[in-house]
Amino acid sequence: MTPSPHAARWAARAGVVLTGGATLLALAATAALAAPVDPTDPTAPVSPVVDGAGTGGLDISIGGDNPSSAITLILAITVLSVAPSLLLLVTSFTKIAVVLSLTRNALGLQSAPPNQVLTGLAFFLTLFVMGPVISDINEIAVQPYLDGQLSVGQAYDTGVEPLKDFLLANTRSDELKLMVGLSGEEAPADPQSTTMLTLVPAFVLSELKSAFIIGLVVFIPFLVLDMLVSAALMAMGMMMVPPVIVSLPFKLLLFVVVDGWALITTALVGSYSGSG
């Protein structure tokens, strides 16, 4: 027997009611199981074990008493970046390079010896002259700093003293007074109190002046030889022949006979005797 449509609708409504009731019962059971509980008292924090140094067992030092390798590497890169300026301004390189260049010009040579040779010779002569100063700086400043005995500021203040002595020993008083006057500062009580910002340009000016004086002395004999060759060519009516070409072999012969490179090297190194 087929149920009537009215009975079917009532059956569907009854199913929905039963399903909703079951769902409510399930939610009520879940809420009962998850009922809140009273909070417990918080526990006191446990203090960390503190060692004798008072650091809580945590070591954040970078190298202890000695400078770390990272800081040393950064300082080394910084020094290398300004090394060319230091080499030119606070050593004997300026005067040696200028004198060697003037000697080559006095001989009438344009590219012999080449610039690389002259620069290399000037560099090694600079190391020879500055050897005692570099040794003093390394002994009293660099090594104590690497051993952790001096800070960066203390190492600089200590290491600059030998360099300042070298600069003062090779700086003319006229150039030093000039730079002190241009700086607008009061004259120092003694030369040792001069700041490096004033002393370095005064030293460079003194080196250039000394280099030009030595270059003038080197130029005079070759100039006289050029004049003699030129007069001889004019007397023979050979005015179309460049005197420089004729005099060049005689200048080279004279330079070799008197051992010119040895004389110039002796004069350059001897000008710094007792200044380190």
C-alpha atoms as a PDB file:
ATOM      1  CA  MET A   1       0.000   0.000   0.000  1.00  0.00           C
ATOM      2  CA  THR A   2       1.493   3.318  -1.086  1.00  0.00           C
ATOM      3  CA  PRO A   3       1.772   5.961   1.678  1.00  0.00           C
ATOM      4  CA  SER A   4      -0.042   9.205   1.096  1.00  0.00           C
ATOM      5  CA  PRO A   5       1.849  12.408   0.359  1.00  0.00           C
ATOM      6  CA  HIS A   6       0.739  13.872   3.672  1.00  0.00           C
ATOM      7  CA  ALA A   7       2.249  10.988   5.617  1.00  0.00           C
ATOM      8  CA  ALA A   8       5.482  11.262   3.675  1.00  0.00           C
ATOM      9  CA  ARG A   9       5.843  14.929   4.571  1.00  0.00           C
ATOM     10  CA  TRP A  10       5.368  14.177   8.253  1.00  0.00           C
ATOM     11  CA  ALA A  11       7.956  11.433   8.088  1.00  0.00           C
ATOM     12  CA  ALA A  12      10.529  13.802   6.525  1.00  0.00           C
ATOM     13  CA  ARG A  13       9.873  16.412   9.191  1.00  0.00           C
ATOM     14  CA  ALA A  14      10.320  13.822  11.917  1.00  0.00           C
ATOM     15  CA  GLY A  15      13.669  12.781  10.419  1.00  0.00           C
ATOM     16  CA  VAL A  16      14.924  16.370  10.417  1.00  0.00           C
ATOM     17  CA  VAL A  17      13.885  16.835  14.027  1.00  0.00           C
ATOM     18  CA  LEU A  18      15.607  13.612  15.099  1.00  0.00           C
ATOM     19  CA  THR A  19      18.790  14.574  13.234  1.00  0.00           C
ATOM     20  CA  GLY A  20      18.859  18.047  14.820  1.00  0.00           C
ATOM     21  CA  GLY A  21      18.316  16.589  18.258  1.00  0.00           C
ATOM     22  CA  ALA A  22      21.186  14.170  17.827  1.00  0.00           C
ATOM     23  CA  THR A  23      23.436  17.018  16.734  1.00  0.00           C
ATOM     24  CA  LEU A  24      22.516  19.104  19.783  1.00  0.00           C
ATOM     25  CA  LEU A  25      23.200  16.196  22.087  1.00  0.00           C
ATOM     26  CA  ALA A  26      26.620  15.671  20.504  1.00  0.00           C
ATOM     27  CA  LEU A  27      27.493  19.371  20.916  1.00  0.00           C
ATOM     28  CA  ALA A  28      26.356  19.302  24.543  1.00  0.00           C
ATOM     29  CA  ALA A  29      28.518  16.263  25.267  1.00  0.00           C
ATOM     30  CA  THR A  30      31.518  17.916  23.648  1.00  0.00           C
ATOM     31  CA  ALA A  31      31.010  21.099  25.670  1.00  0.00           C
ATOM     32  CA  ALA A  32      30.751  19.071  28.855  1.00  0.00           C
ATOM     33  CA  LEU A  33      33.994  17.286  28.134  1.00  0.00           C
ATOM     34  CA  ALA A  34      35.791  20.587  27.294  1.00  0.00           C
ATOM     35  CA  ALA A  35      34.570  22.491  30.335  1.00  0.00           C
ATOM     36  CA  PRO A  36      37.161  25.084  31.555  1.00  0.00           C
ATOM     37  CA  VAL A  37      39.266  24.270  34.565  1.00  0.00           C
ATOM     38  CA  ASP A  38      40.654  26.613  37.165  1.00  0.00           C
ATOM     39  CA  PRO A  39      44.110  28.067  36.233  1.00  0.00           C
ATOM     40  CA  THR A  40      47.123  26.932  38.209  1.00  0.00           C
ATOM     41  CA  ASP A  41      49.484  29.283  39.958  1.00  0.00           C
ATOM     42  CA  PRO A  42      52.465  30.369  37.802  1.00  0.00           C
ATOM     43  CA  THR A  43      55.815  28.881  38.670  1.00  0.00           C
ATOM     44  CA  ALA A  44      58.715  31.123  39.599  1.00  0.00           C
ATOM     45  CA  PRO A  45      61.432  31.445  36.890  1.00  0.00           C
ATOM     46  CA  VAL A  46      64.617  29.529  37.479  1.00  0.00           C
ATOM     47  CA  SER A  47      67.695  31.755  37.651  1.00  0.00           C
ATOM     48  CA  PRO A  48      70.528  30.723  35.304  1.00  0.00           C
ATOM     49  CA  VAL A  49      73.765  29.503  36.749  1.00  0.00           C
ATOM     50  CA  VAL A  50      76.123  32.485  36.949  1.00  0.00           C
ATOM     51  CA  ASP A  51      79.825  31.791  36.644  1.00  0.00           C
ATOM     52  CA  GLY A  52      82.616  33.739  38.239  1.00  0.00           C
ATOM     53  CA  ALA A  53      82.726  36.302  35.424  1.00  0.00           C
ATOM     54  CA  GLY A  54      79.050  37.124  35.929  1.00  0.00           C
ATOM     55  CA  THR A  55      78.080  36.392  32.311  1.00  0.00           C
ATOM     56  CA  GLY A  56      75.478  33.714  33.046  1.00  0.00           C
ATOM     57  CA  GLY A  57      77.508  31.058  31.279  1.00  0.00           C
ATOM     58  CA  LEU A  58      77.242  32.926  27.950  1.00  0.00           C
ATOM     59  CA  ASP A  59      80.452  34.045  26.233  1.00  0.00           C
ATOM     60  CA  ILE A  60      79.939  36.804  23.634  1.00  0.00           C
ATOM     61  CA  SER A  61      83.548  37.929  23.397  1.00  0.00           C
ATOM     62  CA  ILE A  62      85.237  38.014  19.999  1.00  0.00           C
ATOM     63  CA  GLY A  63      88.774  36.972  20.521  1.00  0.00           C
ATOM     64  CA  GLY A  64      89.094  37.636  24.244  1.00  0.00           C
ATOM     65  CA  ASP A  65      91.972  39.961  24.971  1.00  0.00           C
ATOM     66  CA  ASN A  66      93.354  39.634  21.430  1.00  0.00           C
ATOM     67  CA  PRO A  67      91.763  41.356  18.403  1.00  0.00           C
ATOM     68  CA  SER A  68      89.600  39.019  16.355  1.00  0.00           C
ATOM     69  CA  SER A  69      90.687  37.882  12.924  1.00  0.00           C
ATOM     70  CA  ALA A  70      87.751  39.748  11.341  1.00  0.00           C
ATOM     71  CA  ILE A  71      88.763  43.066  12.886  1.00  0.00           C
ATOM     72  CA  THR A  72      92.385  42.486  11.927  1.00  0.00           C
ATOM     73  CA  LEU A  73      91.329  41.730   8.336  1.00  0.00           C
ATOM     74  CA  ILE A  74      89.204  44.902   8.159  1.00  0.00           C
ATOM     75  CA  LEU A  75      92.095  46.993   9.465  1.00  0.00           C
ATOM     76  CA  ALA A  76      94.482  45.375   6.989  1.00  0.00           C
ATOM     77  CA  ILE A  77      92.152  46.132   4.056  1.00  0.00           C
ATOM     78  CA  THR A  78      91.799  49.734   5.265  1.00  0.00           C
ATOM     79  CA  VAL A  79      95.557  50.181   5.495  1.00  0.00           C
ATOM     80  CA  LEU A  80      96.049  48.678   2.050  1.00  0.00           C
ATOM     81  CA  SER A  81      93.476  51.063   0.559  1.00  0.00           C
ATOM     82  CA  VAL A  82      95.424  54.110   1.748  1.00  0.00           C
ATOM     83  CA  ALA A  83      98.886  52.580   1.373  1.00  0.00           C
ATOM     84  CA  PRO A  84      99.679  54.340  -1.941  1.00  0.00           C
ATOM     85  CA  SER A  85      99.009  57.748  -0.389  1.00  0.00           C
ATOM     86  CA  LEU A  86     101.053  56.881   2.685  1.00  0.00           C
ATOM     87  CA  LEU A  87     103.885  55.628   0.478  1.00  0.00           C
ATOM     88  CA  LEU A  88     103.949  58.868  -1.506  1.00  0.00           C
ATOM     89  CA  LEU A  89     103.490  61.330   1.338  1.00  0.00           C
ATOM     90  CA  VAL A  90     105.207  60.056   4.471  1.00  0.00           C
ATOM     91  CA  THR A  91     108.226  58.216   3.079  1.00  0.00           C
ATOM     92  CA  SER A  92     111.263  58.992   0.953  1.00  0.00           C
ATOM     93  CA  PHE A  93     109.528  57.687  -2.186  1.00  0.00           C
ATOM     94  CA  THR A  94     108.636  61.146  -3.508  1.00  0.00           C
ATOM     95  CA  LYS A  95     112.158  62.513  -3.612  1.00  0.00           C
ATOM     96  CA  ILE A  96     113.714  59.303  -4.926  1.00  0.00           C
ATOM     97  CA  ALA A  97     111.173  58.936  -7.739  1.00  0.00           C
ATOM     98  CA  VAL A  98     111.516  62.585  -8.802  1.00  0.00           C
ATOM     99  CA  VAL A  99     115.328  62.481  -8.814  1.00  0.00           C
ATOM    100  CA  LEU A 100     115.410  59.285 -10.880  1.00  0.00           C
ATOM    101  CA  SER A 101     112.958  60.765 -13.357  1.00  0.00           C
ATOM    102  CA  LEU A 102     115.002  63.981 -13.672  1.00  0.00           C
ATOM    103  CA  THR A 103     118.152  61.942 -14.227  1.00  0.00           C
ATOM    104  CA  ARG A 104     116.554  60.118 -17.112  1.00  0.00           C
ATOM    105  CA  ASN A 105     115.432  63.426 -18.625  1.00  0.00           C
ATOM    106  CA  ALA A 106     118.928  64.893 -18.190  1.00  0.00           C
ATOM    107  CA  LEU A 107     120.347  62.027 -20.202  1.00  0.00           C
ATOM    108  CA  GLY A 108     117.927  62.846 -23.005  1.00  0.00           C
ATOM    109  CA  LEU A 109     116.193  59.463 -22.765  1.00  0.00           C
ATOM    110  CA  GLN A 110     112.420  59.247 -22.980  1.00  0.00           C
ATOM    111  CA  SER A 111     111.694  55.636 -22.109  1.00  0.00           C
ATOM    112  CA  ALA A 112     114.939  54.097 -20.916  1.00  0.00           C
ATOM    113  CA  PRO A 113     114.908  53.003 -18.183  1.00  0.00           C
ATOM    114  CA  PRO A 114     111.117  52.425 -18.385  1.00  0.00           C
ATOM    115  CA  ASN A 115     108.780  53.811 -15.755  1.00  0.00           C
ATOM    116  CA  GLN A 116     108.285  50.387 -14.182  1.00  0.00           C
ATOM    117  CA  VAL A 117     112.015  50.043 -13.556  1.00  0.00           C
ATOM    118  CA  LEU A 118     112.341  53.527 -12.061  1.00  0.00           C
ATOM    119  CA  THR A 119     109.267  53.009  -9.861  1.00  0.00           C
ATOM    120  CA  GLY A 120     110.519  49.621  -8.663  1.00  0.00           C
ATOM    121  CA  LEU A 121     113.967  51.025  -7.897  1.00  0.00           C
ATOM    122  CA  ALA A 122     112.417  53.948  -6.028  1.00  0.00           C
ATOM    123  CA  PHE A 123     110.211  51.546  -4.054  1.00  0.00           C
ATOM    124  CA  PHE A 124     113.054  49.309  -2.892  1.00  0.00           C
ATOM    125  CA  LEU A 125     115.276  52.288  -2.093  1.00  0.00           C
ATOM    126  CA  THR A 126     112.377  53.612  -0.025  1.00  0.00           C
ATOM    127  CA  LEU A 127     112.189  50.331   1.884  1.00  0.00           C
ATOM    128  CA  PHE A 128     115.941  50.535   2.442  1.00  0.00           C
ATOM    129  CA  VAL A 129     115.729  54.094   3.782  1.00  0.00           C
ATOM    130  CA  MET A 130     112.570  53.538   5.831  1.00  0.00           C
ATOM    131  CA  GLY A 131     113.688  50.176   7.243  1.00  0.00           C
ATOM    132  CA  PRO A 132     114.654  51.456  10.733  1.00  0.00           C
ATOM    133  CA  VAL A 133     111.431  53.483  11.028  1.00  0.00           C
ATOM    134  CA  ILE A 134     109.264  50.545   9.954  1.00  0.00           C
ATOM    135  CA  SER A 135     111.054  48.274  12.434  1.00  0.00           C
ATOM    136  CA  ASP A 136     110.446  50.716  15.286  1.00  0.00           C
ATOM    137  CA  ILE A 137     106.752  51.063  14.428  1.00  0.00           C
ATOM    138  CA  ASN A 138     106.362  47.289  14.257  1.00  0.00           C
ATOM    139  CA  GLU A 139     108.140  46.771  17.565  1.00  0.00           C
ATOM    140  CA  ILE A 140     106.422  49.407  19.683  1.00  0.00           C
ATOM    141  CA  ALA A 141     102.955  49.555  18.105  1.00  0.00           C
ATOM    142  CA  VAL A 142     101.994  46.771  15.691  1.00  0.00           C
ATOM    143  CA  GLN A 143     103.104  43.751  17.693  1.00  0.00           C
ATOM    144  CA  PRO A 144     101.716  45.017  21.044  1.00  0.00           C
ATOM    145  CA  TYR A 145      98.397  45.703  19.316  1.00  0.00           C
ATOM    146  CA  LEU A 146      98.265  42.218  17.784  1.00  0.00           C
ATOM    147  CA  ASP A 147      99.046  40.775  21.230  1.00  0.00           C
ATOM    148  CA  GLY A 148      96.129  42.688  22.744  1.00  0.00           C
ATOM    149  CA  GLN A 149      98.291  44.956  24.875  1.00  0.00           C
ATOM    150  CA  LEU A 150      97.253  48.177  23.099  1.00  0.00           C
ATOM    151  CA  SER A 151      94.001  49.460  21.687  1.00  0.00           C
ATOM    152  CA  VAL A 152      93.744  50.939  18.194  1.00  0.00           C
ATOM    153  CA  GLY A 153      94.093  54.504  19.479  1.00  0.00           C
ATOM    154  CA  GLN A 154      97.018  53.657  21.724  1.00  0.00           C
ATOM    155  CA  ALA A 155      98.764  51.783  18.905  1.00  0.00           C
ATOM    156  CA  TYR A 156      98.378  54.781  16.594  1.00  0.00           C
ATOM    157  CA  ASP A 157      99.635  57.282  19.174  1.00  0.00           C
ATOM    158  CA  THR A 158     102.631  55.087  19.921  1.00  0.00           C
ATOM    159  CA  GLY A 159     103.471  54.096  16.351  1.00  0.00           C
ATOM    160  CA  VAL A 160     103.259  57.594  14.926  1.00  0.00           C
ATOM    161  CA  GLU A 161     106.137  58.861  17.065  1.00  0.00           C
ATOM    162  CA  PRO A 162     108.999  57.216  15.080  1.00  0.00           C
ATOM    163  CA  LEU A 163     107.378  58.363  11.854  1.00  0.00           C
ATOM    164  CA  LYS A 164     107.009  61.896  13.175  1.00  0.00           C
ATOM    165  CA  ASP A 165     110.694  61.923  14.157  1.00  0.00           C
ATOM    166  CA  PHE A 166     111.628  60.905  10.606  1.00  0.00           C
ATOM    167  CA  LEU A 167     109.405  63.584   9.066  1.00  0.00           C
ATOM    168  CA  LEU A 168     110.725  66.315  11.353  1.00  0.00           C
ATOM    169  CA  ALA A 169     114.336  65.321  10.668  1.00  0.00           C
ATOM    170  CA  ASN A 170     113.776  65.724   6.913  1.00  0.00           C
ATOM    171  CA  THR A 171     111.477  68.771   6.871  1.00  0.00           C
ATOM    172  CA  ARG A 172     112.935  72.208   6.303  1.00  0.00           C
ATOM    173  CA  SER A 173     112.035  74.856   8.846  1.00  0.00           C
ATOM    174  CA  ASP A 174     110.819  77.245   6.120  1.00  0.00           C
ATOM    175  CA  GLU A 175     108.250  74.781   4.807  1.00  0.00           C
ATOM    176  CA  LEU A 176     107.172  73.884   8.323  1.00  0.00           C
ATOM    177  CA  LYS A 177     106.620  77.543   9.218  1.00  0.00           C
ATOM    178  CA  LEU A 178     104.735  78.010   5.953  1.00  0.00           C
ATOM    179  CA  MET A 179     102.267  75.218   6.657  1.00  0.00           C
ATOM    180  CA  VAL A 180     101.813  76.289  10.279  1.00  0.00           C
ATOM    181  CA  GLY A 181     100.980  79.786   9.065  1.00  0.00           C
ATOM    182  CA  LEU A 182      98.583  78.501   6.409  1.00  0.00           C
ATOM    183  CA  SER A 183      96.793  76.306   8.936  1.00  0.00           C
ATOM    184  CA  GLY A 184      95.792  79.375  10.951  1.00  0.00           C
ATOM    185  CA  GLU A 185      96.714  77.648  14.199  1.00  0.00           C
ATOM    186  CA  GLU A 186      99.046  78.855  16.876  1.00  0.00           C
ATOM    187  CA  ALA A 187     102.658  77.856  16.445  1.00  0.00           C
ATOM    188  CA  PRO A 188     103.394  74.713  18.495  1.00  0.00           C
ATOM    189  CA  ALA A 189     105.632  75.032  21.528  1.00  0.00           C
ATOM    190  CA  ASP A 190     108.085  72.600  19.945  1.00  0.00           C
ATOM    191  CA  PRO A 191     108.296  70.845  16.563  1.00  0.00           C
ATOM    192  CA  GLN A 192     107.316  67.522  18.159  1.00  0.00           C
ATOM    193  CA  SER A 193     103.903  68.995  18.963  1.00  0.00           C
ATOM    194  CA  THR A 194     103.152  69.666  15.294  1.00  0.00           C
ATOM    195  CA  THR A 195     100.107  67.783  14.054  1.00  0.00           C
ATOM    196  CA  MET A 196     100.428  65.283  11.242  1.00  0.00           C
ATOM    197  CA  LEU A 197      97.995  67.287   9.096  1.00  0.00           C
ATOM    198  CA  THR A 198     100.509  70.146   9.125  1.00  0.00           C
ATOM    199  CA  LEU A 199     103.696  68.115   9.147  1.00  0.00           C
ATOM    200  CA  VAL A 200     102.946  65.849   6.169  1.00  0.00           C
ATOM    201  CA  PRO A 201     102.465  68.597   3.525  1.00  0.00           C
ATOM    202  CA  ALA A 202     105.496  70.457   4.902  1.00  0.00           C
ATOM    203  CA  PHE A 203     107.527  67.266   4.511  1.00  0.00           C
ATOM    204  CA  VAL A 204     106.309  66.754   0.930  1.00  0.00           C
ATOM    205  CA  LEU A 205     107.241  70.325  -0.020  1.00  0.00           C
ATOM    206  CA  SER A 206     110.692  69.842   1.510  1.00  0.00           C
ATOM    207  CA  GLU A 207     111.165  66.603  -0.410  1.00  0.00           C
ATOM    208  CA  LEU A 208     110.201  68.231  -3.697  1.00  0.00           C
ATOM    209  CA  LYS A 209     112.596  71.101  -3.070  1.00  0.00           C
ATOM    210  CA  SER A 210     115.449  68.735  -2.257  1.00  0.00           C
ATOM    211  CA  ALA A 211     114.658  66.612  -5.310  1.00  0.00           C
ATOM    212  CA  PHE A 212     114.798  69.620  -7.609  1.00  0.00           C
ATOM    213  CA  ILE A 213     118.118  70.725  -6.101  1.00  0.00           C
ATOM    214  CA  ILE A 214     119.625  67.292  -6.746  1.00  0.00           C
ATOM    215  CA  GLY A 215     118.110  67.278 -10.233  1.00  0.00           C
ATOM    216  CA  LEU A 216     119.706  70.659 -10.986  1.00  0.00           C
ATOM    217  CA  VAL A 217     123.108  69.329  -9.954  1.00  0.00           C
ATOM    218  CA  VAL A 218     122.581  66.324 -12.244  1.00  0.00           C
ATOM    219  CA  PHE A 219     121.430  68.468 -15.165  1.00  0.00           C
ATOM    220  CA  ILE A 220     124.370  70.919 -15.205  1.00  0.00           C
ATOM    221  CA  PRO A 221     127.117  68.616 -16.565  1.00  0.00           C
ATOM    222  CA  PHE A 222     124.842  67.239 -19.292  1.00  0.00           C
ATOM    223  CA  LEU A 223     123.712  70.753 -20.197  1.00  0.00           C
ATOM    224  CA  VAL A 224     127.344  71.842 -20.583  1.00  0.00           C
ATOM    225  CA  LEU A 225     128.012  68.805 -22.779  1.00  0.00           C
ATOM    226  CA  ASP A 226     124.996  69.656 -24.967  1.00  0.00           C
ATOM    227  CA  MET A 227     126.251  73.224 -25.396  1.00  0.00           C
ATOM    228  CA  LEU A 228     129.749  72.037 -26.371  1.00  0.00           C
ATOM    229  CA  VAL A 229     128.363  69.605 -28.942  1.00  0.00           C
ATOM    230  CA  SER A 230     126.034  72.268 -30.331  1.00  0.00           C
ATOM    231  CA  ALA A 231     128.905  74.784 -30.664  1.00  0.00           C
ATOM    232  CA  ALA A 232     131.082  72.180 -32.360  1.00  0.00           C
ATOM    233  CA  LEU A 233     128.364  71.335 -34.881  1.00  0.00           C
ATOM    234  CA  MET A 234     127.798  75.004 -35.682  1.00  0.00           C
ATOM    235  CA  ALA A 235     131.545  75.522 -36.153  1.00  0.00           C
ATOM    236  CA  MET A 236     131.621  72.660 -38.624  1.00  0.00           C
ATOM    237  CA  GLY A 237     128.572  73.985 -40.435  1.00  0.00           C
ATOM    238  CA  MET A 238     126.461  70.963 -39.549  1.00  0.00           C
ATOM    239  CA  MET A 239     123.459  72.959 -38.401  1.00  0.00           C
ATOM    240  CA  MET A 240     120.994  70.445 -39.817  1.00  0.00           C
ATOM    241  CA  VAL A 241     122.173  67.731 -37.438  1.00  0.00           C
ATOM    242  CA  PRO A 242     120.254  67.733 -34.125  1.00  0.00           C
ATOM    243  CA  PRO A 243     122.753  68.278 -31.288  1.00  0.00           C
ATOM    244  CA  VAL A 244     120.764  65.923 -29.020  1.00  0.00           C
ATOM    245  CA  ILE A 245     121.467  62.928 -31.260  1.00  0.00           C
ATOM    246  CA  VAL A 246     125.205  63.652 -31.335  1.00  0.00           C
ATOM    247  CA  SER A 247     125.520  64.435 -27.631  1.00  0.00           C
ATOM    248  CA  LEU A 248     123.552  61.412 -26.411  1.00  0.00           C
ATOM    249  CA  PRO A 249     126.421  58.881 -26.794  1.00  0.00           C
ATOM    250  CA  PHE A 250     128.813  61.283 -25.032  1.00  0.00           C
ATOM    251  CA  LYS A 251     126.356  61.778 -22.162  1.00  0.00           C
ATOM    252  CA  LEU A 252     125.912  58.048 -21.769  1.00  0.00           C
ATOM    253  CA  LEU A 253     129.685  57.585 -21.831  1.00  0.00           C
ATOM    254  CA  LEU A 254     130.151  60.264 -19.183  1.00  0.00           C
ATOM    255  CA  PHE A 255     127.406  58.786 -17.002  1.00  0.00           C
ATOM    256  CA  VAL A 256     128.923  55.313 -17.184  1.00  0.00           C
ATOM    257  CA  VAL A 257     132.487  56.514 -16.559  1.00  0.00           C
ATOM    258  CA  VAL A 258     131.563  58.384 -13.375  1.00  0.00           C
ATOM    259  CA  ASP A 259     129.236  55.530 -12.297  1.00  0.00           C
ATOM    260  CA  GLY A 260     126.232  57.843 -12.249  1.00  0.00           C
ATOM    261  CA  TRP A 261     123.647  55.480 -10.805  1.00  0.00           C
ATOM    262  CA  ALA A 262     125.875  54.692  -7.842  1.00  0.00           C
ATOM    263  CA  LEU A 263     126.523  58.402  -7.225  1.00  0.00           C
ATOM    264  CA  ILE A 264     122.826  59.253  -7.359  1.00  0.00           C
ATOM    265  CA  THR A 265     121.869  56.339  -5.117  1.00  0.00           C
ATOM    266  CA  THR A 266     124.559  57.314  -2.617  1.00  0.00           C
ATOM    267  CA  ALA A 267     123.361  60.919  -2.623  1.00  0.00           C
ATOM    268  CA  LEU A 268     119.721  59.923  -2.113  1.00  0.00           C
ATOM    269  CA  VAL A 269     120.346  57.437   0.682  1.00  0.00           C
ATOM    270  CA  GLY A 270     122.956  59.684   2.295  1.00  0.00           C
ATOM    271  CA  SER A 271     120.477  62.560   2.484  1.00  0.00           C
ATOM    272  CA  TYR A 272     118.513  60.523   5.056  1.00  0.00           C
ATOM    273  CA  SER A 273     121.494  59.409   7.155  1.00  0.00           C
ATOM    274  CA  GLY A 274     120.757  59.613  10.849  1.00  0.00           C
ATOM    275  CA  SER A 275     117.128  60.562  10.281  1.00  0.00           C
ATOM    276  CA  GLY A 276     115.586  57.308  11.314  1.00  0.00           C
END
